[in-house]
Amino acid sequence: AVAGAGLSLSSMCDLCVAATTTRFHPAYAQIGV
């Protein structure tokens, strides 16, 4: 799981590599933030 601040962090670093089974989720609006 790469969600919320985890997703934001992955976008803020210079490069990102991932396992093919990774799932990304914004998860902010869902909880009202």
PDB file of all heavy atoms in Angstrom:
ATOM      1  N   ALA A   1       0.831  -1.202   0.000  1.00  0.00           N
ATOM      2  CA  ALA A   1       0.000   0.000   0.000  1.00  0.00           C
ATOM      3  C   ALA A   1       0.865   1.252   0.000  1.00  0.00           C
ATOM      4  O   ALA A   1       1.809   1.366   0.777  1.00  0.00           O
ATOM      5  CB  ALA A   1      -0.904   0.005   1.223  1.00  0.00           C
ATOM      6  N   VAL A   2       0.538   2.171  -0.907  1.00  0.00           N
ATOM      7  CA  VAL A   2       1.182   3.490  -0.964  1.00  0.00           C
ATOM      8  C   VAL A   2       0.028   4.495  -0.952  1.00  0.00           C
ATOM      9  O   VAL A   2      -0.569   4.779  -1.990  1.00  0.00           O
ATOM     10  CB  VAL A   2       2.043   3.657  -2.227  1.00  0.00           C
ATOM     11  CG1 VAL A   2       2.754   4.997  -2.221  1.00  0.00           C
ATOM     12  CG2 VAL A   2       3.051   2.522  -2.340  1.00  0.00           C
ATOM     13  N   ALA A   3      -0.301   5.000   0.232  1.00  0.00           N
ATOM     14  CA  ALA A   3      -1.528   5.775   0.372  1.00  0.00           C
ATOM     15  C   ALA A   3      -1.281   7.086   1.106  1.00  0.00           C
ATOM     16  O   ALA A   3      -0.348   7.196   1.906  1.00  0.00           O
ATOM     17  CB  ALA A   3      -2.581   4.961   1.123  1.00  0.00           C
ATOM     18  N   GLY A   4      -2.129   8.076   0.836  1.00  0.00           N
ATOM     19  CA  GLY A   4      -2.063   9.347   1.552  1.00  0.00           C
ATOM     20  C   GLY A   4      -0.678   9.945   1.532  1.00  0.00           C
ATOM     21  O   GLY A   4      -0.093  10.175   0.464  1.00  0.00           O
ATOM     22  N   ALA A   5      -0.115  10.202   2.719  1.00  0.00           N
ATOM     23  CA  ALA A   5       1.214  10.796   2.810  1.00  0.00           C
ATOM     24  C   ALA A   5       2.286   9.903   2.204  1.00  0.00           C
ATOM     25  O   ALA A   5       3.329  10.389   1.761  1.00  0.00           O
ATOM     26  CB  ALA A   5       1.549  11.092   4.274  1.00  0.00           C
ATOM     27  N   GLY A   6       2.047   8.591   2.166  1.00  0.00           N
ATOM     28  CA  GLY A   6       2.985   7.688   1.496  1.00  0.00           C
ATOM     29  C   GLY A   6       3.051   7.959   0.012  1.00  0.00           C
ATOM     30  O   GLY A   6       4.128   7.955  -0.602  1.00  0.00           O
ATOM     31  N   LEU A   7       1.885   8.201  -0.599  1.00  0.00           N
ATOM     32  CA  LEU A   7       1.837   8.550  -2.017  1.00  0.00           C
ATOM     33  C   LEU A   7       2.490   9.907  -2.256  1.00  0.00           C
ATOM     34  O   LEU A   7       3.267  10.079  -3.204  1.00  0.00           O
ATOM     35  CB  LEU A   7       0.381   8.563  -2.493  1.00  0.00           C
ATOM     36  CG  LEU A   7       0.123   8.990  -3.936  1.00  0.00           C
ATOM     37  CD1 LEU A   7       0.846   8.085  -4.918  1.00  0.00           C
ATOM     38  CD2 LEU A   7      -1.370   9.010  -4.226  1.00  0.00           C
ATOM     39  N   SER A   8       2.186  10.869  -1.396  1.00  0.00           N
ATOM     40  CA  SER A   8       2.789  12.198  -1.539  1.00  0.00           C
ATOM     41  C   SER A   8       4.308  12.110  -1.441  1.00  0.00           C
ATOM     42  O   SER A   8       5.030  12.706  -2.245  1.00  0.00           O
ATOM     43  CB  SER A   8       2.252  13.143  -0.460  1.00  0.00           C
ATOM     44  OG  SER A   8       0.881  13.406  -0.645  1.00  0.00           O
ATOM     45  N   LEU A   9       4.820  11.350  -0.456  1.00  0.00           N
ATOM     46  CA  LEU A   9       6.261  11.193  -0.293  1.00  0.00           C
ATOM     47  C   LEU A   9       6.889  10.597  -1.534  1.00  0.00           C
ATOM     48  O   LEU A   9       7.948  11.048  -1.992  1.00  0.00           O
ATOM     49  CB  LEU A   9       6.551  10.312   0.931  1.00  0.00           C
ATOM     50  CG  LEU A   9       8.007   9.896   1.155  1.00  0.00           C
ATOM     51  CD1 LEU A   9       8.912  11.114   1.308  1.00  0.00           C
ATOM     52  CD2 LEU A   9       8.120   8.992   2.379  1.00  0.00           C
ATOM     53  N   SER A  10       6.248   9.589  -2.120  1.00  0.00           N
ATOM     54  CA  SER A  10       6.815   8.955  -3.312  1.00  0.00           C
ATOM     55  C   SER A  10       6.922   9.934  -4.472  1.00  0.00           C
ATOM     56  O   SER A  10       7.823   9.824  -5.301  1.00  0.00           O
ATOM     57  CB  SER A  10       5.974   7.738  -3.716  1.00  0.00           C
ATOM     58  OG  SER A  10       4.729   8.122  -4.257  1.00  0.00           O
ATOM     59  N   SER A  11       6.017  10.909  -4.511  1.00  0.00           N
ATOM     60  CA  SER A  11       6.058  11.902  -5.594  1.00  0.00           C
ATOM     61  C   SER A  11       7.058  13.012  -5.333  1.00  0.00           C
ATOM     62  O   SER A  11       7.479  13.707  -6.257  1.00  0.00           O
ATOM     63  CB  SER A  11       4.666  12.514  -5.805  1.00  0.00           C
ATOM     64  OG  SER A  11       4.332  13.449  -4.787  1.00  0.00           O
ATOM     65  N   MET A  12       7.445  13.202  -4.076  1.00  0.00           N
ATOM     66  CA  MET A  12       8.355  14.288  -3.718  1.00  0.00           C
ATOM     67  C   MET A  12       9.823  13.910  -3.852  1.00  0.00           C
ATOM     68  O   MET A  12      10.688  14.777  -3.899  1.00  0.00           O
ATOM     69  CB  MET A  12       8.085  14.740  -2.282  1.00  0.00           C
ATOM     70  CG  MET A  12       6.893  15.668  -2.147  1.00  0.00           C
ATOM     71  SD  MET A  12       7.207  17.272  -2.910  1.00  0.00           S
ATOM     72  CE  MET A  12       8.324  18.005  -1.705  1.00  0.00           C
ATOM     73  N   CYS A  13      10.117  12.621  -3.885  1.00  0.00           N
ATOM     74  CA  CYS A  13      11.500  12.183  -4.038  1.00  0.00           C
ATOM     75  C   CYS A  13      11.904  12.254  -5.513  1.00  0.00           C
ATOM     76  O   CYS A  13      11.070  12.427  -6.389  1.00  0.00           O
ATOM     77  CB  CYS A  13      11.661  10.782  -3.461  1.00  0.00           C
ATOM     78  SG  CYS A  13      11.376  10.747  -1.669  1.00  0.00           S
ATOM     79  N   ASP A  14      13.190  12.112  -5.769  1.00  0.00           N
ATOM     80  CA  ASP A  14      13.688  12.315  -7.128  1.00  0.00           C
ATOM     81  C   ASP A  14      13.210  11.238  -8.087  1.00  0.00           C
ATOM     82  O   ASP A  14      12.857  11.528  -9.231  1.00  0.00           O
ATOM     83  CB  ASP A  14      15.219  12.358  -7.112  1.00  0.00           C
ATOM     84  CG  ASP A  14      15.747  13.469  -6.228  1.00  0.00           C
ATOM     85  OD1 ASP A  14      15.227  14.593  -6.326  1.00  0.00           O
ATOM     86  OD2 ASP A  14      16.668  13.214  -5.428  1.00  0.00           O
ATOM     87  N   LEU A  15      13.211   9.995  -7.637  1.00  0.00           N
ATOM     88  CA  LEU A  15      12.807   8.862  -8.474  1.00  0.00           C
ATOM     89  C   LEU A  15      12.067   7.855  -7.612  1.00  0.00           C
ATOM     90  O   LEU A  15      12.233   7.830  -6.392  1.00  0.00           O
ATOM     91  CB  LEU A  15      14.033   8.191  -9.100  1.00  0.00           C
ATOM     92  CG  LEU A  15      14.863   9.030 -10.087  1.00  0.00           C
ATOM     93  CD1 LEU A  15      16.204   8.356 -10.358  1.00  0.00           C
ATOM     94  CD2 LEU A  15      14.104   9.244 -11.384  1.00  0.00           C
ATOM     95  N   CYS A  16      11.260   7.021  -8.251  1.00  0.00           N
ATOM     96  CA  CYS A  16      10.498   6.005  -7.530  1.00  0.00           C
ATOM     97  C   CYS A  16      10.526   4.705  -8.323  1.00  0.00           C
ATOM     98  O   CYS A  16      10.289   4.708  -9.537  1.00  0.00           O
ATOM     99  CB  CYS A  16       9.054   6.476  -7.332  1.00  0.00           C
ATOM    100  SG  CYS A  16       7.991   5.267  -6.494  1.00  0.00           S
ATOM    101  N   VAL A  17      10.827   3.598  -7.635  1.00  0.00           N
ATOM    102  CA  VAL A  17      10.692   2.268  -8.222  1.00  0.00           C
ATOM    103  C   VAL A  17       9.672   1.509  -7.402  1.00  0.00           C
ATOM    104  O   VAL A  17       9.442   1.822  -6.229  1.00  0.00           O
ATOM    105  CB  VAL A  17      12.039   1.520  -8.273  1.00  0.00           C
ATOM    106  CG1 VAL A  17      13.035   2.267  -9.141  1.00  0.00           C
ATOM    107  CG2 VAL A  17      12.619   1.317  -6.878  1.00  0.00           C
ATOM    108  N   ALA A  18       9.032   0.516  -8.022  1.00  0.00           N
ATOM    109  CA  ALA A  18       7.908  -0.129  -7.347  1.00  0.00           C
ATOM    110  C   ALA A  18       7.823  -1.608  -7.671  1.00  0.00           C
ATOM    111  O   ALA A  18       8.213  -2.046  -8.758  1.00  0.00           O
ATOM    112  CB  ALA A  18       6.602   0.559  -7.741  1.00  0.00           C
ATOM    113  N   ALA A  19       7.275  -2.368  -6.725  1.00  0.00           N
ATOM    114  CA  ALA A  19       6.893  -3.751  -6.993  1.00  0.00           C
ATOM    115  C   ALA A  19       5.664  -3.732  -7.899  1.00  0.00           C
ATOM    116  O   ALA A  19       4.805  -2.851  -7.788  1.00  0.00           O
ATOM    117  CB  ALA A  19       6.577  -4.470  -5.685  1.00  0.00           C
ATOM    118  N   THR A  20       5.571  -4.708  -8.781  1.00  0.00           N
ATOM    119  CA  THR A  20       4.463  -4.732  -9.738  1.00  0.00           C
ATOM    120  C   THR A  20       3.111  -4.923  -9.065  1.00  0.00           C
ATOM    121  O   THR A  20       2.074  -4.640  -9.664  1.00  0.00           O
ATOM    122  CB  THR A  20       4.684  -5.855 -10.765  1.00  0.00           C
ATOM    123  OG1 THR A  20       4.947  -7.085 -10.069  1.00  0.00           O
ATOM    124  CG2 THR A  20       5.861  -5.543 -11.679  1.00  0.00           C
ATOM    125  N   THR A  21       3.108  -5.383  -7.820  1.00  0.00           N
ATOM    126  CA  THR A  21       1.856  -5.604  -7.082  1.00  0.00           C
ATOM    127  C   THR A  21       1.422  -4.393  -6.262  1.00  0.00           C
ATOM    128  O   THR A  21       0.411  -4.450  -5.557  1.00  0.00           O
ATOM    129  CB  THR A  21       2.027  -6.805  -6.126  1.00  0.00           C
ATOM    130  OG1 THR A  21       3.212  -6.606  -5.340  1.00  0.00           O
ATOM    131  CG2 THR A  21       2.157  -8.107  -6.902  1.00  0.00           C
ATOM    132  N   THR A  22       2.165  -3.293  -6.350  1.00  0.00           N
ATOM    133  CA  THR A  22       1.870  -2.104  -5.539  1.00  0.00           C
ATOM    134  C   THR A  22       0.526  -1.493  -5.904  1.00  0.00           C
ATOM    135  O   THR A  22       0.149  -1.444  -7.080  1.00  0.00           O
ATOM    136  CB  THR A  22       2.979  -1.047  -5.730  1.00  0.00           C
ATOM    137  OG1 THR A  22       4.245  -1.654  -5.476  1.00  0.00           O
ATOM    138  CG2 THR A  22       2.790   0.132  -4.795  1.00  0.00           C
ATOM    139  N   ARG A  23      -0.179  -0.992  -4.880  1.00  0.00           N
ATOM    140  CA  ARG A  23      -1.416  -0.247  -5.088  1.00  0.00           C
ATOM    141  C   ARG A  23      -1.250   1.150  -4.516  1.00  0.00           C
ATOM    142  O   ARG A  23      -0.792   1.325  -3.384  1.00  0.00           O
ATOM    143  CB  ARG A  23      -2.596  -0.941  -4.395  1.00  0.00           C
ATOM    144  CG  ARG A  23      -2.982  -2.270  -4.985  1.00  0.00           C
ATOM    145  CD  ARG A  23      -3.639  -2.142  -6.332  1.00  0.00           C
ATOM    146  NE  ARG A  23      -4.965  -1.545  -6.239  1.00  0.00           N
ATOM    147  CZ  ARG A  23      -5.738  -1.265  -7.305  1.00  0.00           C
ATOM    148  NH1 ARG A  23      -5.294  -1.498  -8.524  1.00  0.00           N
ATOM    149  NH2 ARG A  23      -6.926  -0.735  -7.139  1.00  0.00           N
ATOM    150  N   PHE A  24      -1.634   2.151  -5.302  1.00  0.00           N
ATOM    151  CA  PHE A  24      -1.517   3.555  -4.913  1.00  0.00           C
ATOM    152  C   PHE A  24      -2.916   4.108  -4.650  1.00  0.00           C
ATOM    153  O   PHE A  24      -3.846   3.839  -5.409  1.00  0.00           O
ATOM    154  CB  PHE A  24      -0.856   4.354  -6.036  1.00  0.00           C
ATOM    155  CG  PHE A  24       0.534   3.889  -6.390  1.00  0.00           C
ATOM    156  CD1 PHE A  24       0.735   2.810  -7.249  1.00  0.00           C
ATOM    157  CD2 PHE A  24       1.656   4.525  -5.874  1.00  0.00           C
ATOM    158  CE1 PHE A  24       2.006   2.382  -7.582  1.00  0.00           C
ATOM    159  CE2 PHE A  24       2.935   4.109  -6.196  1.00  0.00           C
ATOM    160  CZ  PHE A  24       3.112   3.036  -7.058  1.00  0.00           C
ATOM    161  N   HIS A  25      -3.040   4.899  -3.582  1.00  0.00           N
ATOM    162  CA  HIS A  25      -4.358   5.462  -3.253  1.00  0.00           C
ATOM    163  C   HIS A  25      -4.179   6.845  -2.635  1.00  0.00           C
ATOM    164  O   HIS A  25      -3.490   6.990  -1.625  1.00  0.00           O
ATOM    165  CB  HIS A  25      -5.097   4.560  -2.265  1.00  0.00           C
ATOM    166  CG  HIS A  25      -6.579   4.779  -2.252  1.00  0.00           C
ATOM    167  ND1 HIS A  25      -7.143   6.029  -2.095  1.00  0.00           N
ATOM    168  CD2 HIS A  25      -7.617   3.922  -2.381  1.00  0.00           C
ATOM    169  CE1 HIS A  25      -8.448   5.935  -2.137  1.00  0.00           C
ATOM    170  NE2 HIS A  25      -8.777   4.666  -2.305  1.00  0.00           N
ATOM    171  N   PRO A  26      -4.823   7.888  -3.207  1.00  0.00           N
ATOM    172  CA  PRO A  26      -4.716   9.235  -2.632  1.00  0.00           C
ATOM    173  C   PRO A  26      -5.182   9.283  -1.175  1.00  0.00           C
ATOM    174  O   PRO A  26      -4.492   9.838  -0.315  1.00  0.00           O
ATOM    175  CB  PRO A  26      -5.590  10.093  -3.531  1.00  0.00           C
ATOM    176  CG  PRO A  26      -5.590   9.370  -4.836  1.00  0.00           C
ATOM    177  CD  PRO A  26      -5.543   7.906  -4.496  1.00  0.00           C
ATOM    178  N   ALA A  27      -6.362   8.738  -0.882  1.00  0.00           N
ATOM    179  CA  ALA A  27      -6.859   8.538   0.499  1.00  0.00           C
ATOM    180  C   ALA A  27      -6.985   9.792   1.343  1.00  0.00           C
ATOM    181  O   ALA A  27      -7.025   9.704   2.567  1.00  0.00           O
ATOM    182  CB  ALA A  27      -5.975   7.516   1.231  1.00  0.00           C
ATOM    183  N   TYR A  28      -7.059  10.953   0.739  1.00  0.00           N
ATOM    184  CA  TYR A  28      -7.239  12.192   1.516  1.00  0.00           C
ATOM    185  C   TYR A  28      -8.713  12.600   1.562  1.00  0.00           C
ATOM    186  O   TYR A  28      -9.304  12.694   2.636  1.00  0.00           O
ATOM    187  CB  TYR A  28      -6.419  13.331   0.898  1.00  0.00           C
ATOM    188  CG  TYR A  28      -4.933  13.256   1.140  1.00  0.00           C
ATOM    189  CD1 TYR A  28      -4.063  12.927   0.110  1.00  0.00           C
ATOM    190  CD2 TYR A  28      -4.386  13.528   2.387  1.00  0.00           C
ATOM    191  CE1 TYR A  28      -2.691  12.875   0.311  1.00  0.00           C
ATOM    192  CE2 TYR A  28      -3.022  13.474   2.611  1.00  0.00           C
ATOM    193  CZ  TYR A  28      -2.176  13.152   1.564  1.00  0.00           C
ATOM    194  OH  TYR A  28      -0.828  13.097   1.786  1.00  0.00           O
ATOM    195  N   ALA A  29      -9.299  12.860   0.393  1.00  0.00           N
ATOM    196  CA  ALA A  29     -10.694  13.311   0.357  1.00  0.00           C
ATOM    197  C   ALA A  29     -11.624  12.296   1.003  1.00  0.00           C
ATOM    198  O   ALA A  29     -12.638  12.653   1.588  1.00  0.00           O
ATOM    199  CB  ALA A  29     -11.114  13.582  -1.091  1.00  0.00           C
ATOM    200  N   GLN A  30     -11.251  11.027   0.922  1.00  0.00           N
ATOM    201  CA  GLN A  30     -12.065   9.951   1.487  1.00  0.00           C
ATOM    202  C   GLN A  30     -12.293  10.139   2.979  1.00  0.00           C
ATOM    203  O   GLN A  30     -13.357   9.811   3.500  1.00  0.00           O
ATOM    204  CB  GLN A  30     -11.375   8.611   1.214  1.00  0.00           C
ATOM    205  CG  GLN A  30     -12.100   7.404   1.772  1.00  0.00           C
ATOM    206  CD  GLN A  30     -11.346   6.113   1.470  1.00  0.00           C
ATOM    207  OE1 GLN A  30     -10.565   6.044   0.544  1.00  0.00           O
ATOM    208  NE2 GLN A  30     -11.568   5.104   2.285  1.00  0.00           N
ATOM    209  N   ILE A  31     -11.276  10.675   3.683  1.00  0.00           N
ATOM    210  CA  ILE A  31     -11.449  10.901   5.130  1.00  0.00           C
ATOM    211  C   ILE A  31     -11.713  12.376   5.447  1.00  0.00           C
ATOM    212  O   ILE A  31     -11.735  12.768   6.609  1.00  0.00           O
ATOM    213  CB  ILE A  31     -10.239  10.385   5.929  1.00  0.00           C
ATOM    214  CG1 ILE A  31      -8.957  11.136   5.550  1.00  0.00           C
ATOM    215  CG2 ILE A  31     -10.068   8.894   5.757  1.00  0.00           C
ATOM    216  CD1 ILE A  31      -7.796  10.866   6.495  1.00  0.00           C
ATOM    217  N   GLY A  32     -11.883  13.189   4.405  1.00  0.00           N
ATOM    218  CA  GLY A  32     -12.295  14.572   4.616  1.00  0.00           C
ATOM    219  C   GLY A  32     -11.180  15.562   4.846  1.00  0.00           C
ATOM    220  O   GLY A  32     -11.375  16.552   5.550  1.00  0.00           O
ATOM    221  N   VAL A  33      -9.982  15.317   4.258  1.00  0.00           N
ATOM    222  CA  VAL A  33      -8.867  16.251   4.425  1.00  0.00           C
ATOM    223  C   VAL A  33      -8.218  16.556   3.074  1.00  0.00           C
ATOM    224  O   VAL A  33      -8.381  15.807   2.104  1.00  0.00           O
ATOM    225  CB  VAL A  33      -7.795  15.702   5.404  1.00  0.00           C
ATOM    226  CG1 VAL A  33      -8.382  15.512   6.786  1.00  0.00           C
ATOM    227  CG2 VAL A  33      -7.176  14.411   4.883  1.00  0.00           C
TER     228      VAL A  33
END
